[in-house]
Amino acid sequence: MARGGRAARLGLAGLWVGIETEVTTMKTMNVLEVGRRLGQLGVTLGATLATHAALAVGDLPGGPAVNQIDLHPPVTKIATEQMWLHNFMMIICLVIFVAVFGVMFYSIFKHRKSKGAVPANFHESVKVEVAWTLTPFIIVIFMALPATKVVVAMKDTTNADLTIKATGYQWKWGYDYLKGEGEGLGFLSTLDTAQREMSNAGKPEGDNYLLKVDNPLVVPVGKKVRIITTANDVIHAWMVPAFGVKQDAIPGFVRDTWFRAEKTGDFYGQCAELCGKEHAYMPIHVKVLSAADYSAWVDGKKKEMAAKADDPAKVWKQEDLVARGEKVYAANCAACHKADGKGAGPIKAIDGSPVVLDEDKLKQVAVLLNGQNNGAMPAWKQLSDTEIAAVITYTKNSWSNKTGQAVQPAEVLAARK
């Protein structure tokens, strides 16, 4: 995800199309005309490169840096160990390279024919055979031990504090919080529309170009987060370099990985599997918050989802209203009317009630909104329009009440006025 030239790629793609067109045209020209056209192309290319160089952006904290040649600064223990392992392997490879080529070039120089070197005449050497067998074996073991430790740790997804399913779609990510604080939350994460418009216009701006999303994945700092990956259409890959995480998301399969961020902030990644024509527009943005801020975010997100779920303009299916109404009834009505709707003592039964069975649905709506019998049946205006519609639909289609009727939230909203 190095940014040196990343902002220029889409603009240069358009230039390349122009070059291909020019080359096709030049096939019908004479030599002088071809030379003139090539000169014009050179000027155009230089101007384009200069323009995109002027549009160079700065380092993005938690994301790619300009002219980045090293791994991302790690923010998890696994990423730190991966960086150490990378450097360790590079040093070993460098030592082997110097040793092998040093001996080779020394031998070529020291025993060259011009100095009168005479080759030795032998067929085998047990010591050499043992040496060139044991030495690579020892080197491989020396490299494998720390590598195995890191790989095993990368795959240990047990005892997670938070479990989130990441589903790849063409071309967006879907996140579902399956376990832990925030359980039940779910949303799609899509490239910000302004970013897409900049790309279409060929005018990249900002350090987070093509990395900004409408709904970032939010997690708490210091908690083990298990990511379950799958896909809805083609193979994708969930990758956040700063976490040391890259896991394929394959349709029909469930795979998992994990991370524990050690600092708060915004961290970025991209789909790392070529997944179609809009592969470049499928970024990943992970926002790591403190424990208190994460709890506040979860609370706000749940209220937001509840508000959307209780939108009075939403038209519900009857079975969904019944399912929701059963929960509302159990929490608010069953204490008096009993779970079987039979009532007790002065409490009237709902099962078989004339008001419930009446074809005029608004009669029961009025009872819940205004109460009746001088407060013996209290008003339930504090319930949302959706909750009232759901519990009425539930009572009209439960026990012996099989009216087949359903009340929509919009009808309750209208009755409130």
Protein backbone atom coordinates (compact mmCIF):
# COMPACT_ATOMS: atom_id res chain seq x y z
CA MET A 1 0.00 0.00 0.00
CA ALA A 2 2.90 2.41 -0.62
CA ARG A 3 1.59 5.75 -1.83
CA GLY A 4 4.45 6.85 -4.13
CA GLY A 5 2.53 7.12 -7.39
CA ARG A 6 -0.69 5.54 -6.11
CA ALA A 7 -2.56 8.79 -6.56
CA ALA A 8 -1.35 9.00 -10.16
CA ARG A 9 -2.32 5.56 -11.38
CA LEU A 10 -5.90 6.27 -12.44
CA GLY A 11 -4.92 9.46 -14.29
CA LEU A 12 -2.04 7.69 -16.04
CA ALA A 13 -4.43 4.96 -17.12
CA GLY A 14 -6.31 7.54 -19.17
CA LEU A 15 -3.04 8.79 -20.65
CA TRP A 16 -2.11 5.25 -21.65
CA VAL A 17 -5.37 4.89 -23.58
CA GLY A 18 -4.44 8.08 -25.41
CA ILE A 19 -0.96 6.75 -26.20
CA GLU A 20 -2.42 3.54 -27.63
CA THR A 21 -4.71 5.61 -29.86
CA GLU A 22 -1.78 7.72 -31.05
CA VAL A 23 0.32 4.66 -31.84
CA THR A 24 -2.50 3.24 -33.94
CA THR A 25 -2.76 6.56 -35.82
CA MET A 26 1.03 6.78 -36.39
CA LYS A 27 1.01 3.55 -38.38
CA THR A 28 -0.36 5.54 -41.33
CA MET A 29 2.13 8.47 -41.08
CA ASN A 30 5.52 9.18 -42.60
CA VAL A 31 8.72 9.32 -40.57
CA LEU A 32 8.75 13.11 -40.00
CA GLU A 33 5.13 13.14 -38.86
CA VAL A 34 5.78 10.21 -36.53
CA GLY A 35 8.72 12.08 -35.00
CA ARG A 36 6.58 15.17 -34.41
CA ARG A 37 3.82 13.13 -32.78
CA LEU A 38 6.31 11.34 -30.54
CA GLY A 39 7.63 14.69 -29.40
CA GLN A 40 4.12 15.83 -28.52
CA LEU A 41 3.52 12.60 -26.60
CA GLY A 42 6.75 13.16 -24.67
CA VAL A 43 5.65 16.64 -23.66
CA THR A 44 2.19 15.36 -22.68
CA LEU A 45 3.64 12.53 -20.62
CA GLY A 46 6.05 14.88 -18.86
CA ALA A 47 3.26 17.33 -18.07
CA THR A 48 1.05 14.55 -16.75
CA LEU A 49 3.78 13.19 -14.50
CA ALA A 50 4.56 16.70 -13.26
CA THR A 51 0.88 17.33 -12.54
CA HIS A 52 0.53 14.15 -10.53
CA ALA A 53 3.79 14.85 -8.73
CA ALA A 54 2.31 18.20 -7.72
CA LEU A 55 -0.73 16.35 -6.38
CA ALA A 56 1.47 14.24 -4.10
CA VAL A 57 -0.08 13.69 -0.70
CA GLY A 58 1.44 13.29 2.73
CA ASP A 59 1.85 10.22 4.90
CA LEU A 60 -1.43 8.84 6.19
CA PRO A 61 -1.20 7.91 9.89
CA GLY A 62 -2.21 4.28 10.19
CA GLY A 63 -2.02 3.89 6.44
CA PRO A 64 0.43 4.11 3.54
CA ALA A 65 3.31 6.57 3.47
CA VAL A 66 4.83 8.42 0.53
CA ASN A 67 7.61 6.36 -1.09
CA GLN A 68 7.19 3.70 1.58
CA ILE A 69 9.72 0.86 1.24
CA ASP A 70 9.33 -0.81 4.63
CA LEU A 71 6.44 -2.59 6.31
CA HIS A 72 3.78 -0.52 8.06
CA PRO A 73 4.59 0.61 11.62
CA PRO A 74 3.12 -2.24 13.70
CA VAL A 75 0.34 -1.63 16.22
CA THR A 76 -0.17 -5.25 17.29
CA LYS A 77 2.22 -7.75 18.84
CA ILE A 78 1.81 -10.07 15.86
CA ALA A 79 2.72 -7.29 13.41
CA THR A 80 5.78 -6.46 15.54
CA GLU A 81 6.89 -10.10 15.48
CA GLN A 82 6.30 -10.25 11.73
CA MET A 83 8.52 -7.22 11.21
CA TRP A 84 11.24 -8.71 13.42
CA LEU A 85 10.95 -12.01 11.54
CA HIS A 86 11.16 -10.21 8.20
CA ASN A 87 14.33 -8.36 9.23
CA PHE A 88 15.81 -11.53 10.75
CA MET A 89 15.27 -13.48 7.52
CA MET A 90 16.69 -10.64 5.46
CA ILE A 91 19.86 -10.64 7.57
CA ILE A 92 20.26 -14.41 7.21
CA CYS A 93 19.74 -14.19 3.45
CA LEU A 94 22.26 -11.35 3.24
CA VAL A 95 24.86 -13.32 5.23
CA ILE A 96 24.34 -16.38 3.01
CA PHE A 97 24.58 -14.20 -0.11
CA VAL A 98 27.83 -12.58 1.02
CA ALA A 99 29.32 -15.89 2.16
CA VAL A 100 28.47 -17.85 -1.00
CA PHE A 101 29.38 -15.17 -3.52
CA GLY A 102 32.41 -14.14 -1.46
CA VAL A 103 33.83 -17.67 -1.59
CA MET A 104 32.90 -17.96 -5.26
CA PHE A 105 34.54 -14.70 -6.34
CA TYR A 106 37.57 -15.32 -4.11
CA SER A 107 38.02 -18.75 -5.69
CA ILE A 108 37.65 -17.34 -9.21
CA PHE A 109 40.22 -14.62 -8.50
CA LYS A 110 42.68 -16.66 -6.43
CA HIS A 111 42.70 -19.77 -8.59
CA ARG A 112 42.44 -18.26 -12.06
CA LYS A 113 44.36 -19.87 -14.93
CA SER A 114 46.52 -16.79 -15.55
CA LYS A 115 48.15 -17.32 -12.15
CA GLY A 116 48.98 -20.90 -13.03
CA ALA A 117 46.41 -22.49 -10.76
CA VAL A 118 46.18 -26.26 -11.19
CA PRO A 119 42.82 -27.86 -10.40
CA ALA A 120 42.80 -30.55 -7.76
CA ASN A 121 42.08 -34.07 -8.94
CA PHE A 122 39.66 -35.80 -6.57
CA HIS A 123 36.33 -37.52 -6.89
CA GLU A 124 34.66 -37.12 -3.51
CA SER A 125 35.08 -35.71 -0.02
CA VAL A 126 33.07 -36.98 2.90
CA LYS A 127 33.74 -33.82 4.88
CA VAL A 128 32.43 -31.59 2.08
CA GLU A 129 29.37 -33.80 1.60
CA VAL A 130 28.56 -33.66 5.32
CA ALA A 131 29.20 -29.92 5.47
CA TRP A 132 26.95 -28.94 2.57
CA THR A 133 24.20 -31.23 3.89
CA LEU A 134 24.25 -30.19 7.54
CA THR A 135 24.81 -26.46 7.03
CA PRO A 136 21.61 -25.80 5.03
CA PHE A 137 19.68 -28.07 7.41
CA ILE A 138 20.86 -26.09 10.43
CA ILE A 139 20.08 -22.80 8.69
CA VAL A 140 16.56 -23.95 7.81
CA ILE A 141 15.89 -25.07 11.40
CA PHE A 142 17.29 -21.78 12.69
CA MET A 143 14.83 -19.93 10.44
CA ALA A 144 11.87 -22.27 10.96
CA LEU A 145 11.72 -22.11 14.76
CA PRO A 146 10.87 -18.40 15.14
CA ALA A 147 8.71 -18.50 11.98
CA THR A 148 6.66 -21.40 13.33
CA LYS A 149 6.12 -19.56 16.60
CA VAL A 150 4.72 -16.51 14.80
CA VAL A 151 2.53 -18.53 12.41
CA VAL A 152 1.03 -20.56 15.27
CA ALA A 153 0.28 -17.34 17.18
CA MET A 154 -1.35 -15.84 14.08
CA LYS A 155 -3.79 -18.77 13.89
CA ASP A 156 -4.73 -18.82 17.59
CA THR A 157 -8.20 -17.23 17.52
CA THR A 158 -9.32 -18.68 20.87
CA ASN A 159 -10.55 -16.61 23.82
CA ALA A 160 -11.53 -13.62 21.71
CA ASP A 161 -13.19 -10.66 23.44
CA LEU A 162 -15.03 -9.68 20.28
CA THR A 163 -16.04 -11.69 17.22
CA ILE A 164 -16.88 -9.91 13.96
CA LYS A 165 -17.82 -11.43 10.61
CA ALA A 166 -16.38 -9.63 7.59
CA THR A 167 -18.22 -10.49 4.37
CA GLY A 168 -16.78 -9.44 1.03
CA TYR A 169 -19.16 -8.15 -1.62
CA GLN A 170 -18.52 -6.67 -5.06
CA TRP A 171 -17.40 -4.08 -4.00
CA LYS A 172 -17.88 -3.38 -0.32
CA TRP A 173 -17.44 -5.02 3.08
CA GLY A 174 -20.22 -6.12 5.40
CA TYR A 175 -19.56 -6.30 9.14
CA ASP A 176 -21.65 -8.25 11.66
CA TYR A 177 -20.79 -8.19 15.37
CA LEU A 178 -21.45 -11.77 16.47
CA LYS A 179 -20.10 -11.92 20.02
CA GLY A 180 -18.95 -9.53 22.70
CA GLU A 181 -19.81 -5.89 23.31
CA GLY A 182 -21.75 -4.69 20.31
CA GLU A 183 -23.32 -8.07 19.58
CA GLY A 184 -26.15 -7.70 17.09
CA LEU A 185 -24.73 -4.70 15.26
CA GLY A 186 -24.30 -4.95 11.51
CA PHE A 187 -23.63 -2.58 8.63
CA LEU A 188 -22.02 -2.20 5.21
CA SER A 189 -18.77 -0.31 4.66
CA THR A 190 -18.55 1.35 1.24
CA LEU A 191 -16.13 3.74 -0.41
CA ASP A 192 -17.12 7.33 0.34
CA THR A 193 -19.06 8.82 -2.58
CA ALA A 194 -16.84 11.91 -2.68
CA GLN A 195 -13.81 9.67 -3.15
CA ARG A 196 -15.49 7.96 -6.08
CA GLU A 197 -16.35 11.30 -7.66
CA MET A 198 -12.71 12.42 -7.34
CA SER A 199 -11.61 9.21 -9.05
CA ASN A 200 -14.11 9.66 -11.89
CA ALA A 201 -12.93 13.23 -12.37
CA GLY A 202 -9.28 12.21 -12.27
CA LYS A 203 -8.59 14.71 -9.48
CA PRO A 204 -7.28 12.85 -6.41
CA GLU A 205 -7.13 14.89 -3.23
CA GLY A 206 -6.31 14.20 0.41
CA ASP A 207 -4.06 11.81 2.25
CA ASN A 208 -6.85 9.20 2.46
CA TYR A 209 -7.66 9.12 -1.25
CA LEU A 210 -9.59 5.93 -2.09
CA LEU A 211 -9.35 4.83 1.56
CA LYS A 212 -12.23 6.79 3.11
CA VAL A 213 -15.42 4.81 3.80
CA ASP A 214 -18.88 5.72 5.02
CA ASN A 215 -18.90 3.23 7.94
CA PRO A 216 -15.51 2.20 9.35
CA LEU A 217 -15.13 -0.96 11.40
CA VAL A 218 -14.90 0.13 15.05
CA VAL A 219 -13.12 -1.95 17.74
CA PRO A 220 -11.83 -1.35 21.28
CA VAL A 221 -8.14 -0.98 22.06
CA GLY A 222 -6.40 -3.79 23.95
CA LYS A 223 -9.10 -6.38 23.19
CA LYS A 224 -8.65 -9.56 21.17
CA VAL A 225 -10.79 -9.22 18.05
CA ARG A 226 -11.56 -12.32 16.02
CA ILE A 227 -12.39 -11.66 12.37
CA ILE A 228 -14.39 -14.35 10.56
CA THR A 229 -14.10 -13.91 6.81
CA THR A 230 -16.34 -15.12 4.01
CA ALA A 231 -17.60 -13.75 0.69
CA ASN A 232 -20.87 -13.41 -1.14
CA ASP A 233 -19.68 -13.60 -4.74
CA VAL A 234 -15.96 -13.96 -5.57
CA ILE A 235 -12.77 -14.33 -3.55
CA HIS A 236 -11.79 -11.25 -1.58
CA ALA A 237 -9.09 -10.75 1.07
CA TRP A 238 -9.33 -8.72 4.29
CA MET A 239 -5.96 -7.05 4.88
CA VAL A 240 -4.79 -4.41 7.36
CA PRO A 241 -0.97 -4.21 7.23
CA ALA A 242 -0.56 -2.34 10.53
CA PHE A 243 -2.29 -5.27 12.30
CA GLY A 244 -0.27 -7.93 10.48
CA VAL A 245 -3.53 -9.40 9.19
CA LYS A 246 -4.42 -10.75 5.75
CA GLN A 247 -7.10 -13.42 5.41
CA ASP A 248 -8.84 -14.60 2.24
CA ALA A 249 -12.62 -14.37 2.13
CA ILE A 250 -13.92 -17.26 0.03
CA PRO A 251 -17.57 -17.86 -1.00
CA GLY A 252 -19.01 -20.88 0.80
CA PHE A 253 -16.12 -21.07 3.28
CA VAL A 254 -15.53 -19.56 6.71
CA ARG A 255 -11.99 -18.63 7.73
CA ASP A 256 -10.75 -16.58 10.64
CA THR A 257 -7.91 -14.43 11.92
CA TRP A 258 -7.41 -12.03 14.83
CA PHE A 259 -5.68 -8.93 16.11
CA ARG A 260 -5.28 -6.93 19.32
CA ALA A 261 -4.57 -3.26 18.64
CA GLU A 262 -2.25 -1.72 21.21
CA LYS A 263 -2.99 1.91 20.37
CA THR A 264 -6.00 3.96 19.35
CA GLY A 265 -6.29 5.58 15.95
CA ASP A 266 -7.36 4.98 12.37
CA PHE A 267 -5.80 2.15 10.39
CA TYR A 268 -6.29 1.31 6.74
CA GLY A 269 -6.16 -1.65 4.41
CA GLN A 270 -7.58 -2.84 1.12
CA CYS A 271 -9.00 -5.95 -0.47
CA ALA A 272 -5.84 -7.86 -1.37
CA GLU A 273 -7.41 -10.24 -3.89
CA LEU A 274 -8.22 -9.18 -7.45
CA CYS A 275 -12.00 -9.27 -7.24
CA GLY A 276 -13.22 -7.52 -10.37
CA LYS A 277 -13.26 -4.18 -12.16
CA GLU A 278 -13.79 -2.13 -8.98
CA HIS A 279 -11.20 -3.94 -6.89
CA ALA A 280 -9.44 -0.62 -6.20
CA TYR A 281 -12.62 0.81 -4.67
CA MET A 282 -12.90 -1.66 -1.80
CA PRO A 283 -10.90 -0.16 1.07
CA ILE A 284 -10.84 -1.15 4.73
CA HIS A 285 -10.88 1.42 7.53
CA VAL A 286 -10.58 0.24 11.14
CA LYS A 287 -11.12 2.78 13.90
CA VAL A 288 -9.63 1.73 17.26
CA LEU A 289 -11.21 3.49 20.25
CA SER A 290 -10.65 3.50 23.99
CA ALA A 291 -12.91 1.23 26.03
CA ALA A 292 -15.15 4.13 27.12
CA ASP A 293 -15.42 5.59 23.62
CA TYR A 294 -16.14 2.17 22.16
CA SER A 295 -18.98 1.59 24.64
CA ALA A 296 -20.41 5.00 23.74
CA TRP A 297 -20.16 4.14 20.03
CA VAL A 298 -21.95 0.82 20.58
CA ASP A 299 -24.73 2.55 22.51
CA GLY A 300 -25.15 5.16 19.80
CA LYS A 301 -25.08 2.58 17.03
CA LYS A 302 -27.74 0.47 18.73
CA LYS A 303 -29.98 3.50 19.15
CA GLU A 304 -29.42 4.35 15.50
CA MET A 305 -30.35 0.83 14.43
CA ALA A 306 -33.38 0.84 16.71
CA ALA A 307 -34.51 4.15 15.22
CA LYS A 308 -34.20 2.72 11.72
CA ALA A 309 -36.01 -0.44 12.75
CA ASP A 310 -38.80 1.65 14.28
CA ASP A 311 -39.21 3.92 11.28
CA PRO A 312 -43.00 4.42 11.10
CA ALA A 313 -42.80 4.59 7.32
CA LYS A 314 -41.46 1.06 7.14
CA VAL A 315 -43.95 -1.57 5.94
CA TRP A 316 -43.54 -4.85 7.83
CA LYS A 317 -44.45 -8.38 6.93
CA GLN A 318 -47.04 -9.89 9.25
CA GLU A 319 -44.72 -12.65 10.48
CA ASP A 320 -42.06 -10.10 11.37
CA LEU A 321 -44.59 -8.00 13.30
CA VAL A 322 -45.76 -11.09 15.18
CA ALA A 323 -42.18 -12.03 16.12
CA ARG A 324 -41.44 -8.50 17.33
CA GLY A 325 -44.80 -8.24 19.08
CA GLU A 326 -44.22 -11.43 21.06
CA LYS A 327 -41.16 -9.83 22.67
CA VAL A 328 -43.03 -6.59 23.40
CA TYR A 329 -45.92 -8.55 24.93
CA ALA A 330 -43.63 -10.61 27.14
CA ALA A 331 -41.85 -7.48 28.40
CA ASN A 332 -44.88 -5.26 28.99
CA CYS A 333 -48.21 -7.12 28.88
CA ALA A 334 -47.75 -10.67 30.17
CA ALA A 335 -47.45 -9.56 33.79
CA CYS A 336 -51.16 -8.67 33.84
CA HIS A 337 -52.74 -10.49 30.92
CA LYS A 338 -50.61 -13.62 31.45
CA ALA A 339 -48.53 -15.36 28.80
CA ASP A 340 -51.56 -17.25 27.47
CA GLY A 341 -53.65 -14.07 27.16
CA LYS A 342 -56.33 -15.36 29.58
CA GLY A 343 -56.08 -12.53 32.10
CA ALA A 344 -56.78 -12.97 35.80
CA GLY A 345 -59.38 -11.52 38.21
CA PRO A 346 -60.34 -8.00 37.10
CA ILE A 347 -57.79 -8.13 34.27
CA LYS A 348 -59.66 -8.85 31.06
CA ALA A 349 -58.55 -11.65 28.80
CA ILE A 350 -57.01 -10.76 25.44
CA ASP A 351 -57.65 -14.23 24.06
CA GLY A 352 -61.12 -13.91 22.53
CA SER A 353 -61.49 -10.22 23.41
CA PRO A 354 -64.12 -8.44 21.26
CA VAL A 355 -61.85 -5.42 20.83
CA VAL A 356 -59.01 -7.62 19.59
CA LEU A 357 -61.27 -9.56 17.24
CA ASP A 358 -63.02 -6.44 15.88
CA GLU A 359 -62.39 -5.75 12.21
CA ASP A 360 -61.76 -2.09 13.07
CA LYS A 361 -58.08 -2.27 14.03
CA LEU A 362 -58.08 1.32 15.27
CA LYS A 363 -60.20 0.38 18.30
CA GLN A 364 -57.33 -1.64 19.79
CA VAL A 365 -54.84 1.05 18.74
CA ALA A 366 -56.91 3.61 20.70
CA VAL A 367 -56.86 1.39 23.80
CA LEU A 368 -53.07 1.15 23.80
CA LEU A 369 -52.59 4.85 23.14
CA ASN A 370 -55.18 6.17 25.59
CA GLY A 371 -55.88 3.37 28.06
CA GLN A 372 -59.37 2.56 29.36
CA ASN A 373 -61.46 1.78 32.48
CA ASN A 374 -60.16 4.84 34.35
CA GLY A 375 -56.56 3.72 34.17
CA ALA A 376 -57.11 0.07 34.97
CA MET A 377 -55.70 -0.44 31.49
CA PRO A 378 -52.92 2.17 31.31
CA ALA A 379 -51.91 4.05 28.19
CA TRP A 380 -48.76 2.84 26.46
CA LYS A 381 -47.81 5.95 24.51
CA GLN A 382 -44.21 5.47 25.61
CA LEU A 383 -43.93 2.51 23.25
CA SER A 384 -42.84 3.31 19.71
CA ASP A 385 -45.25 3.16 16.80
CA THR A 386 -43.58 -0.05 15.64
CA GLU A 387 -43.81 -1.67 19.08
CA ILE A 388 -47.53 -0.87 19.38
CA ALA A 389 -48.21 -2.10 15.85
CA ALA A 390 -46.25 -5.26 16.55
CA VAL A 391 -47.92 -6.15 19.85
CA ILE A 392 -51.38 -5.54 18.40
CA THR A 393 -50.58 -7.73 15.40
CA TYR A 394 -49.28 -10.39 17.81
CA THR A 395 -52.45 -10.41 19.92
CA LYS A 396 -54.69 -10.48 16.85
CA ASN A 397 -52.95 -13.63 15.59
CA SER A 398 -52.17 -15.59 18.75
CA TRP A 399 -53.96 -18.17 20.89
CA SER A 400 -57.50 -18.50 19.50
CA ASN A 401 -57.32 -15.08 17.87
CA LYS A 402 -56.71 -15.89 14.22
CA THR A 403 -57.87 -12.70 12.56
CA GLY A 404 -55.12 -12.56 9.95
CA GLN A 405 -54.97 -8.80 10.52
CA ALA A 406 -51.77 -6.75 10.72
CA VAL A 407 -51.30 -3.20 11.94
CA GLN A 408 -48.55 -1.10 10.36
CA PRO A 409 -46.58 1.55 12.30
CA ALA A 410 -47.90 4.28 10.01
CA GLU A 411 -51.46 3.52 11.21
CA VAL A 412 -50.39 3.97 14.83
CA LEU A 413 -48.60 7.21 13.97
CA ALA A 414 -51.73 8.54 12.30
CA ALA A 415 -53.84 7.59 15.34
CA ARG A 416 -51.49 9.56 17.65
CA LYS A 417 -52.34 12.81 15.88
